[in-house]
C-alpha atoms as a PDB file:
ATOM      1  CA  MET A   1      50.045  12.168  20.666  1.00  0.00           C
ATOM      2  CA  ARG A   2      48.566  14.208  23.487  1.00  0.00           C
ATOM      3  CA  PRO A   3      45.851  12.618  25.633  1.00  0.00           C
ATOM      4  CA  LEU A   4      42.362  14.032  25.213  1.00  0.00           C
ATOM      5  CA  ARG A   5      41.143  16.408  27.826  1.00  0.00           C
ATOM      6  CA  TYR A   6      38.141  15.285  29.857  1.00  0.00           C
ATOM      7  CA  GLY A   7      35.670  17.623  28.090  1.00  0.00           C
ATOM      8  CA  ALA A   8      36.798  16.628  24.583  1.00  0.00           C
ATOM      9  CA  ARG A   9      36.438  12.917  25.424  1.00  0.00           C
ATOM     10  CA  ILE A  10      32.826  13.397  26.574  1.00  0.00           C
ATOM     11  CA  MET A  11      32.012  15.402  23.448  1.00  0.00           C
ATOM     12  CA  ARG A  12      33.395  12.629  21.219  1.00  0.00           C
ATOM     13  CA  GLN A  13      31.312   9.998  23.077  1.00  0.00           C
ATOM     14  CA  ARG A  14      28.149  12.114  22.679  1.00  0.00           C
ATOM     15  CA  THR A  15      28.776  12.451  18.948  1.00  0.00           C
ATOM     16  CA  THR A  16      29.217   8.681  18.583  1.00  0.00           C
ATOM     17  CA  VAL A  17      26.058   7.931  20.579  1.00  0.00           C
ATOM     18  CA  THR A  18      24.053  10.506  18.588  1.00  0.00           C
ATOM     19  CA  ALA A  19      25.247   9.067  15.260  1.00  0.00           C
ATOM     20  CA  ALA A  20      24.348   5.532  16.361  1.00  0.00           C
ATOM     21  CA  ALA A  21      20.882   6.643  17.497  1.00  0.00           C
ATOM     22  CA  LEU A  22      20.213   8.410  14.189  1.00  0.00           C
ATOM     23  CA  ALA A  23      21.345   5.355  12.219  1.00  0.00           C
ATOM     24  CA  ALA A  24      18.995   3.118  14.229  1.00  0.00           C
ATOM     25  CA  LEU A  25      16.093   5.535  13.721  1.00  0.00           C
ATOM     26  CA  PHE A  26      16.742   5.584   9.967  1.00  0.00           C
ATOM     27  CA  ALA A  27      16.811   1.779   9.823  1.00  0.00           C
ATOM     28  CA  VAL A  28      13.494   1.473  11.665  1.00  0.00           C
ATOM     29  CA  CYS A  29      11.743   4.298   9.838  1.00  0.00           C
ATOM     30  CA  CYS A  30      12.975   4.232   6.283  1.00  0.00           C
ATOM     31  CA  LEU A  31      13.945   0.724   5.284  1.00  0.00           C
ATOM     32  CA  PRO A  32      11.069  -1.423   4.012  1.00  0.00           C
ATOM     33  CA  ALA A  33      10.022  -4.349   6.103  1.00  0.00           C
ATOM     34  CA  ALA A  34      11.058  -7.749   4.846  1.00  0.00           C
ATOM     35  CA  PRO A  35       8.228  -9.689   3.250  1.00  0.00           C
ATOM     36  CA  ALA A  36       6.581 -12.240   5.452  1.00  0.00           C
ATOM     37  CA  SER A  37       8.308 -15.568   5.152  1.00  0.00           C
ATOM     38  CA  ALA A  38       5.354 -17.655   6.237  1.00  0.00           C
ATOM     39  CA  ALA A  39       1.627 -17.434   6.725  1.00  0.00           C
ATOM     40  CA  THR A  40       1.360 -18.459  10.370  1.00  0.00           C
ATOM     41  CA  GLY A  41      -1.314 -21.058  11.021  1.00  0.00           C
ATOM     42  CA  THR A  42      -2.818 -23.953   9.082  1.00  0.00           C
ATOM     43  CA  PHE A  43      -4.429 -24.401   5.683  1.00  0.00           C
ATOM     44  CA  ALA A  44      -6.492 -27.559   5.159  1.00  0.00           C
ATOM     45  CA  TYR A  45      -8.088 -29.071   2.060  1.00  0.00           C
ATOM     46  CA  THR A  46     -10.002 -32.246   1.268  1.00  0.00           C
ATOM     47  CA  PHE A  47      -9.351 -34.553  -1.696  1.00  0.00           C
ATOM     48  CA  ARG A  48     -10.363 -37.949  -3.048  1.00  0.00           C
ATOM     49  CA  ALA A  49      -7.724 -40.670  -3.006  1.00  0.00           C
ATOM     50  CA  PRO A  50      -7.757 -44.406  -3.756  1.00  0.00           C
ATOM     51  CA  ARG A  51      -8.058 -44.993   0.030  1.00  0.00           C
ATOM     52  CA  GLY A  52     -11.112 -42.700   0.270  1.00  0.00           C
ATOM     53  CA  VAL A  53     -11.654 -39.053   1.149  1.00  0.00           C
ATOM     54  CA  LEU A  54      -8.651 -37.525   2.936  1.00  0.00           C
ATOM     55  CA  THR A  55      -7.701 -34.140   4.373  1.00  0.00           C
ATOM     56  CA  SER A  56      -4.244 -32.615   4.105  1.00  0.00           C
ATOM     57  CA  VAL A  57      -2.908 -29.719   6.182  1.00  0.00           C
ATOM     58  CA  LEU A  58      -0.184 -27.176   5.420  1.00  0.00           C
ATOM     59  CA  THR A  59       1.330 -25.717   8.603  1.00  0.00           C
ATOM     60  CA  ASP A  60       2.908 -22.232   8.428  1.00  0.00           C
ATOM     61  CA  PRO A  61       3.055 -22.280   4.608  1.00  0.00           C
ATOM     62  CA  PRO A  62       5.489 -19.893   2.879  1.00  0.00           C
ATOM     63  CA  SER A  63       4.110 -16.612   1.540  1.00  0.00           C
ATOM     64  CA  GLY A  64       4.617 -15.198  -1.914  1.00  0.00           C
ATOM     65  CA  ILE A  65       5.245 -18.449  -3.784  1.00  0.00           C
ATOM     66  CA  CYS A  66       2.829 -20.750  -5.561  1.00  0.00           C
ATOM     67  CA  LEU A  67       2.270 -24.042  -3.769  1.00  0.00           C
ATOM     68  CA  PRO A  68       0.985 -26.877  -5.982  1.00  0.00           C
ATOM     69  CA  LEU A  69      -0.941 -29.506  -4.032  1.00  0.00           C
ATOM     70  CA  PRO A  70       0.842 -32.810  -4.772  1.00  0.00           C
ATOM     71  CA  GLU A  71      -2.113 -35.020  -3.821  1.00  0.00           C
ATOM     72  CA  VAL A  72      -4.237 -33.664  -6.692  1.00  0.00           C
ATOM     73  CA  LEU A  73      -1.595 -33.483  -9.432  1.00  0.00           C
ATOM     74  CA  GLY A  74      -0.260 -36.208 -11.652  1.00  0.00           C
ATOM     75  CA  PRO A  75      -1.752 -39.212 -13.422  1.00  0.00           C
ATOM     76  CA  HIS A  76      -3.118 -40.899 -10.275  1.00  0.00           C
ATOM     77  CA  ALA A  77      -5.058 -37.872  -9.009  1.00  0.00           C
ATOM     78  CA  LEU A  78      -8.804 -38.424  -8.713  1.00  0.00           C
ATOM     79  CA  GLY A  79      -9.712 -34.771  -9.255  1.00  0.00           C
ATOM     80  CA  PRO A  80      -9.013 -31.424  -7.637  1.00  0.00           C
ATOM     81  CA  ALA A  81      -9.055 -30.733  -3.913  1.00  0.00           C
ATOM     82  CA  TYR A  82     -12.120 -29.017  -2.489  1.00  0.00           C
ATOM     83  CA  ALA A  83     -13.528 -27.278   0.608  1.00  0.00           C
ATOM     84  CA  PRO A  84     -10.339 -25.441   1.646  1.00  0.00           C
ATOM     85  CA  HIS A  85     -10.073 -23.877   5.103  1.00  0.00           C
ATOM     86  CA  ASN A  86      -7.647 -20.983   5.580  1.00  0.00           C
ATOM     87  CA  ASP A  87      -6.774 -20.691   9.258  1.00  0.00           C
ATOM     88  CA  THR A  88      -3.559 -18.737   8.634  1.00  0.00           C
ATOM     89  CA  GLY A  89      -2.941 -15.055   9.247  1.00  0.00           C
ATOM     90  CA  ALA A  90      -2.660 -14.276   5.515  1.00  0.00           C
ATOM     91  CA  PRO A  91      -5.150 -14.214   2.637  1.00  0.00           C
ATOM     92  CA  ALA A  92      -4.984 -17.363   0.493  1.00  0.00           C
ATOM     93  CA  ARG A  93      -5.749 -17.376  -3.222  1.00  0.00           C
ATOM     94  CA  VAL A  94      -6.732 -20.869  -4.364  1.00  0.00           C
ATOM     95  CA  PHE A  95      -6.440 -21.778  -8.058  1.00  0.00           C
ATOM     96  CA  THR A  96      -8.194 -24.445 -10.095  1.00  0.00           C
ATOM     97  CA  GLY A  97      -5.034 -25.190 -12.085  1.00  0.00           C
ATOM     98  CA  PRO A  98      -1.520 -26.224 -11.149  1.00  0.00           C
ATOM     99  CA  ASP A  99       1.140 -23.519 -10.807  1.00  0.00           C
ATOM    100  CA  CYS A 100      -1.459 -20.918  -9.743  1.00  0.00           C
ATOM    101  CA  THR A 101      -3.271 -20.855 -13.082  1.00  0.00           C
ATOM    102  CA  GLY A 102      -6.937 -20.976 -14.011  1.00  0.00           C
ATOM    103  CA  GLY A 103      -9.852 -19.652 -12.032  1.00  0.00           C
ATOM    104  CA  TYR A 104      -9.308 -18.565  -8.463  1.00  0.00           C
ATOM    105  CA  ALA A 105     -11.016 -17.616  -5.219  1.00  0.00           C
ATOM    106  CA  THR A 106      -9.550 -15.604  -2.350  1.00  0.00           C
ATOM    107  CA  LEU A 107     -10.020 -16.891   1.191  1.00  0.00           C
ATOM    108  CA  ARG A 108      -9.809 -14.525   4.157  1.00  0.00           C
ATOM    109  CA  PRO A 109      -7.345 -15.107   6.980  1.00  0.00           C
ATOM    110  CA  HIS A 110      -8.803 -17.201   9.810  1.00  0.00           C
ATOM    111  CA  GLY A 111     -11.994 -17.687   7.815  1.00  0.00           C
ATOM    112  CA  ARG A 112     -14.564 -20.451   7.688  1.00  0.00           C
ATOM    113  CA  ARG A 113     -14.240 -23.577   5.593  1.00  0.00           C
ATOM    114  CA  ALA A 114     -15.125 -22.841   1.968  1.00  0.00           C
ATOM    115  CA  PRO A 115     -17.964 -24.808   0.341  1.00  0.00           C
ATOM    116  CA  VAL A 116     -17.262 -28.038  -1.538  1.00  0.00           C
ATOM    117  CA  GLN A 117     -17.797 -26.150  -4.806  1.00  0.00           C
ATOM    118  CA  VAL A 118     -14.462 -24.315  -4.276  1.00  0.00           C
ATOM    119  CA  LEU A 119     -11.956 -26.471  -6.182  1.00  0.00           C
ATOM    120  CA  LEU A 120      -8.178 -26.107  -6.069  1.00  0.00           C
ATOM    121  CA  ARG A 121      -4.917 -27.567  -7.313  1.00  0.00           C
ATOM    122  CA  SER A 122      -2.583 -24.820  -6.052  1.00  0.00           C
ATOM    123  CA  VAL A 123      -2.556 -22.000  -3.502  1.00  0.00           C
ATOM    124  CA  LEU A 124      -0.727 -18.700  -3.011  1.00  0.00           C
ATOM    125  CA  PHE A 125      -0.512 -16.928   0.357  1.00  0.00           C
ATOM    126  CA  THR A 126      -0.043 -13.177   0.187  1.00  0.00           C
ATOM    127  CA  PRO A 127       1.256 -10.894   2.921  1.00  0.00           C
ATOM    128  CA  ARG A 128      -1.494  -8.789   4.464  1.00  0.00           C
ATOM    129  CA  ALA A 129      -1.732  -5.173   3.357  1.00  0.00           C
ATOM    130  CA  GLY A 130      -0.360  -2.573   5.729  1.00  0.00           C
ATOM    131  CA  ARG A 131       2.576  -4.644   6.956  1.00  0.00           C
ATOM    132  CA  ARG A 132       5.218  -2.326   5.493  1.00  0.00           C
ATOM    133  CA  THR A 133       6.569   0.700   7.267  1.00  0.00           C
ATOM    134  CA  ALA A 134       5.790   4.181   5.999  1.00  0.00           C
ATOM    135  CA  PRO A 135       8.523   5.993   4.062  1.00  0.00           C
ATOM    136  CA  CYS A 136      10.428   8.713   5.900  1.00  0.00           C
ATOM    137  CA  ARG A 137       9.242  12.230   5.359  1.00  0.00           C
ATOM    138  CA  GLY A 138      11.469  15.182   5.618  1.00  0.00           C
END
């Protein structure tokens, strides 16, 4: 096998670099972003317990899955949680029933504490709109 001439070797390196750059551009531009794995921040709620009124906090809760609140489910629960406070970066939909069923209210990211009339037994954090990349055009 004959060794490559100097000019041919440079041309082959340029082709490899160009192909790698185009592949990286395609990956950034055209592939959808992965869904958010967590709503960064805290989500707090108040509930009645045999020991009195308590507050529980979820830190960096996962997005896209229903989260039942264990303190207000089961035979020993003294009622639903109330007055939730969403201090995460994602909207939170709070449900009156377990497993994200029943009536619901949507709480804004980094919002104020909801009134005591907002009752919940489960919560679902949703990724914020506009977090996906635009499809490639061309």
